[in-house]
N, C-alpha and C. Protein backbone atom coordinates (compact mmCIF):
# COMPACT_ATOMS: atom_id res chain seq x y z
N MET A 1 0.85 -1.18 0.00
CA MET A 1 0.00 0.00 0.00
C MET A 1 0.89 1.24 0.00
N PRO A 2 0.53 2.25 -0.76
CA PRO A 2 1.31 3.47 -0.78
C PRO A 2 1.12 4.30 0.49
N VAL A 3 2.08 5.13 0.78
CA VAL A 3 2.00 6.03 1.93
C VAL A 3 1.01 7.14 1.59
N THR A 4 0.00 7.28 2.43
CA THR A 4 -1.01 8.31 2.21
C THR A 4 -1.03 9.34 3.33
N ASN A 5 -0.36 9.03 4.45
CA ASN A 5 -0.32 9.93 5.61
C ASN A 5 1.09 9.89 6.20
N PRO A 6 2.07 10.47 5.48
CA PRO A 6 3.46 10.40 5.95
C PRO A 6 3.65 11.02 7.33
N GLY A 7 4.45 10.37 8.14
CA GLY A 7 4.76 10.88 9.47
C GLY A 7 3.71 10.59 10.52
N LYS A 8 2.71 9.78 10.20
CA LYS A 8 1.64 9.47 11.17
C LYS A 8 2.23 8.72 12.36
N THR A 9 1.94 9.20 13.56
CA THR A 9 2.40 8.56 14.77
C THR A 9 1.37 8.79 15.88
N PHE A 10 1.61 8.20 17.03
CA PHE A 10 0.71 8.30 18.16
C PHE A 10 1.55 8.58 19.40
N SER A 11 1.01 9.35 20.33
CA SER A 11 1.78 9.75 21.52
C SER A 11 2.13 8.58 22.43
N ASP A 12 1.35 7.50 22.40
CA ASP A 12 1.60 6.39 23.32
C ASP A 12 2.46 5.26 22.74
N ILE A 13 3.11 5.50 21.58
CA ILE A 13 3.99 4.48 21.02
C ILE A 13 5.46 4.90 20.97
N VAL A 14 5.75 6.06 21.50
CA VAL A 14 7.10 6.63 21.40
C VAL A 14 8.20 5.67 21.85
N ALA A 15 8.00 5.00 22.98
CA ALA A 15 9.02 4.09 23.50
C ALA A 15 8.66 2.62 23.26
N HIS A 16 7.65 2.35 22.46
CA HIS A 16 7.22 0.97 22.24
C HIS A 16 8.17 0.25 21.28
N LYS A 17 8.36 -1.04 21.49
CA LYS A 17 9.29 -1.81 20.66
C LYS A 17 8.84 -1.91 19.21
N ASP A 18 7.56 -1.73 18.94
CA ASP A 18 7.04 -1.85 17.58
C ASP A 18 6.69 -0.52 16.94
N VAL A 19 7.31 0.56 17.42
CA VAL A 19 6.98 1.89 16.92
C VAL A 19 7.15 1.99 15.40
N SER A 20 8.20 1.42 14.84
CA SER A 20 8.44 1.52 13.39
C SER A 20 7.34 0.83 12.59
N ALA A 21 6.95 -0.36 13.03
CA ALA A 21 5.90 -1.10 12.32
C ALA A 21 4.56 -0.39 12.43
N ILE A 22 4.24 0.11 13.61
CA ILE A 22 2.97 0.82 13.82
C ILE A 22 2.92 2.06 12.93
N GLU A 23 3.99 2.84 12.91
CA GLU A 23 4.03 4.05 12.08
C GLU A 23 3.96 3.71 10.59
N ALA A 24 4.62 2.65 10.17
CA ALA A 24 4.60 2.26 8.76
C ALA A 24 3.18 1.87 8.33
N LEU A 25 2.50 1.09 9.15
CA LEU A 25 1.13 0.68 8.82
C LEU A 25 0.16 1.86 8.90
N ALA A 26 0.33 2.72 9.89
CA ALA A 26 -0.55 3.89 10.03
C ALA A 26 -0.36 4.87 8.87
N SER A 27 0.87 5.04 8.42
CA SER A 27 1.13 5.97 7.32
C SER A 27 0.51 5.50 6.01
N ARG A 28 0.21 4.21 5.92
CA ARG A 28 -0.42 3.65 4.73
C ARG A 28 -1.93 3.47 4.90
N GLY A 29 -2.47 3.89 6.05
CA GLY A 29 -3.90 3.79 6.28
C GLY A 29 -4.38 2.37 6.55
N ILE A 30 -3.45 1.47 6.86
CA ILE A 30 -3.82 0.08 7.13
C ILE A 30 -4.36 -0.07 8.54
N ILE A 31 -3.78 0.66 9.48
CA ILE A 31 -4.26 0.64 10.86
C ILE A 31 -4.59 2.06 11.29
N ASN A 32 -5.46 2.16 12.28
CA ASN A 32 -5.85 3.43 12.87
C ASN A 32 -5.62 3.35 14.36
N GLY A 33 -5.59 4.49 15.01
CA GLY A 33 -5.49 4.53 16.45
C GLY A 33 -6.86 4.42 17.09
N LYS A 34 -6.86 4.28 18.40
CA LYS A 34 -8.12 4.29 19.14
C LYS A 34 -8.72 5.69 19.09
N THR A 35 -7.82 6.70 19.07
CA THR A 35 -8.20 8.10 18.85
C THR A 35 -7.19 8.66 17.85
N GLU A 36 -7.30 9.92 17.54
CA GLU A 36 -6.36 10.54 16.60
C GLU A 36 -4.93 10.51 17.13
N ASP A 37 -4.74 10.57 18.46
CA ASP A 37 -3.41 10.66 19.05
C ASP A 37 -3.02 9.44 19.89
N SER A 38 -3.91 8.45 20.02
CA SER A 38 -3.64 7.29 20.88
C SER A 38 -3.85 5.99 20.10
N PHE A 39 -2.86 5.09 20.21
CA PHE A 39 -2.95 3.80 19.52
C PHE A 39 -3.29 2.65 20.47
N ASP A 40 -2.83 2.73 21.71
CA ASP A 40 -3.02 1.67 22.71
C ASP A 40 -2.36 0.38 22.24
N PRO A 41 -1.03 0.40 22.06
CA PRO A 41 -0.30 -0.70 21.42
C PRO A 41 -0.33 -2.03 22.15
N ASP A 42 -0.58 -2.05 23.44
CA ASP A 42 -0.56 -3.31 24.18
C ASP A 42 -1.95 -3.88 24.43
N ASN A 43 -2.96 -3.27 23.83
CA ASN A 43 -4.33 -3.75 23.96
C ASN A 43 -4.55 -4.91 22.99
N THR A 44 -5.52 -5.77 23.27
CA THR A 44 -5.83 -6.85 22.34
C THR A 44 -6.64 -6.33 21.17
N MET A 45 -6.61 -7.06 20.07
CA MET A 45 -7.30 -6.67 18.85
C MET A 45 -8.60 -7.46 18.74
N THR A 46 -9.66 -6.79 18.34
CA THR A 46 -10.93 -7.47 18.15
C THR A 46 -10.94 -8.16 16.78
N ARG A 47 -11.90 -9.04 16.57
CA ARG A 47 -12.02 -9.69 15.25
C ARG A 47 -12.28 -8.65 14.17
N ALA A 48 -13.12 -7.67 14.47
CA ALA A 48 -13.44 -6.64 13.48
C ALA A 48 -12.18 -5.85 13.11
N GLU A 49 -11.36 -5.50 14.11
CA GLU A 49 -10.12 -4.78 13.83
C GLU A 49 -9.17 -5.63 12.99
N PHE A 50 -9.05 -6.91 13.33
CA PHE A 50 -8.17 -7.81 12.58
C PHE A 50 -8.58 -7.91 11.12
N VAL A 51 -9.86 -8.16 10.88
CA VAL A 51 -10.34 -8.31 9.51
C VAL A 51 -10.21 -7.01 8.73
N THR A 52 -10.50 -5.89 9.38
CA THR A 52 -10.35 -4.59 8.72
C THR A 52 -8.90 -4.33 8.35
N ASN A 53 -7.98 -4.59 9.27
CA ASN A 53 -6.55 -4.39 8.99
C ASN A 53 -6.07 -5.32 7.89
N LEU A 54 -6.51 -6.56 7.90
CA LEU A 54 -6.13 -7.53 6.88
C LEU A 54 -6.63 -7.09 5.50
N THR A 55 -7.88 -6.68 5.45
CA THR A 55 -8.47 -6.25 4.18
C THR A 55 -7.75 -5.03 3.62
N LYS A 56 -7.49 -4.05 4.49
CA LYS A 56 -6.78 -2.85 4.05
C LYS A 56 -5.34 -3.18 3.63
N GLY A 57 -4.69 -4.04 4.39
CA GLY A 57 -3.31 -4.42 4.09
C GLY A 57 -3.17 -5.15 2.76
N LEU A 58 -4.17 -5.93 2.41
CA LEU A 58 -4.16 -6.65 1.13
C LEU A 58 -4.62 -5.77 -0.02
N GLY A 59 -5.13 -4.59 0.30
CA GLY A 59 -5.60 -3.68 -0.74
C GLY A 59 -6.88 -4.14 -1.42
N LEU A 60 -7.68 -4.91 -0.71
CA LEU A 60 -8.93 -5.40 -1.29
C LEU A 60 -9.93 -4.25 -1.41
N PRO A 61 -10.69 -4.21 -2.49
CA PRO A 61 -11.66 -3.12 -2.66
C PRO A 61 -12.82 -3.25 -1.69
N GLU A 62 -13.39 -2.10 -1.35
CA GLU A 62 -14.58 -2.10 -0.50
C GLU A 62 -15.76 -2.62 -1.31
N LYS A 63 -16.62 -3.35 -0.65
CA LYS A 63 -17.81 -3.87 -1.30
C LYS A 63 -19.02 -3.32 -0.55
N GLY A 64 -19.94 -2.76 -1.26
CA GLY A 64 -21.11 -2.18 -0.63
C GLY A 64 -22.01 -3.22 0.01
N GLY A 65 -22.80 -2.78 0.96
CA GLY A 65 -23.74 -3.67 1.61
C GLY A 65 -23.10 -4.45 2.74
N SER A 66 -23.91 -5.15 3.46
CA SER A 66 -23.43 -5.94 4.59
C SER A 66 -24.24 -7.21 4.72
N ILE A 67 -23.57 -8.30 4.95
CA ILE A 67 -24.28 -9.56 5.18
C ILE A 67 -24.36 -9.87 6.66
N LEU A 68 -23.71 -9.04 7.47
CA LEU A 68 -23.70 -9.24 8.91
C LEU A 68 -24.82 -8.42 9.54
N LYS A 69 -25.60 -9.06 10.37
CA LYS A 69 -26.75 -8.40 10.98
C LYS A 69 -26.36 -7.40 12.07
N ASP A 70 -25.16 -7.56 12.66
CA ASP A 70 -24.74 -6.67 13.74
C ASP A 70 -23.80 -5.57 13.30
N VAL A 71 -23.67 -5.36 11.99
CA VAL A 71 -22.80 -4.32 11.44
C VAL A 71 -23.61 -3.45 10.51
N THR A 72 -23.46 -2.12 10.67
CA THR A 72 -24.15 -1.19 9.79
C THR A 72 -23.13 -0.36 9.03
N ALA A 73 -23.55 0.25 7.95
CA ALA A 73 -22.65 1.03 7.09
C ALA A 73 -21.98 2.18 7.82
N GLY A 74 -22.56 2.68 8.90
CA GLY A 74 -21.98 3.78 9.66
C GLY A 74 -20.95 3.37 10.67
N ASP A 75 -20.72 2.08 10.86
CA ASP A 75 -19.74 1.61 11.85
C ASP A 75 -18.31 2.03 11.44
N TRP A 76 -17.42 2.12 12.42
CA TRP A 76 -16.06 2.61 12.23
C TRP A 76 -15.28 1.82 11.18
N LEU A 77 -15.61 0.57 10.96
CA LEU A 77 -14.79 -0.25 10.07
C LEU A 77 -15.04 0.00 8.61
N PHE A 78 -16.02 0.84 8.28
CA PHE A 78 -16.27 1.16 6.88
C PHE A 78 -15.67 2.44 6.51
């Protein structure tokens, strides 16, 4: 994936061992923080976050509609 947000970082990853990987993925829009300035690097990942990150990382196109009854188009993962 190309870099779309160069220099993207989060205040809570400064001393984290995975700072380079987190910044590389965030700069490509593959991962997002919990907020604009916080990533929460030691928190567990939900299934929705994992699938969203995987889909973005593979560069798969978005597909309209939803087959999941508990997900709506306005949810954060779209």
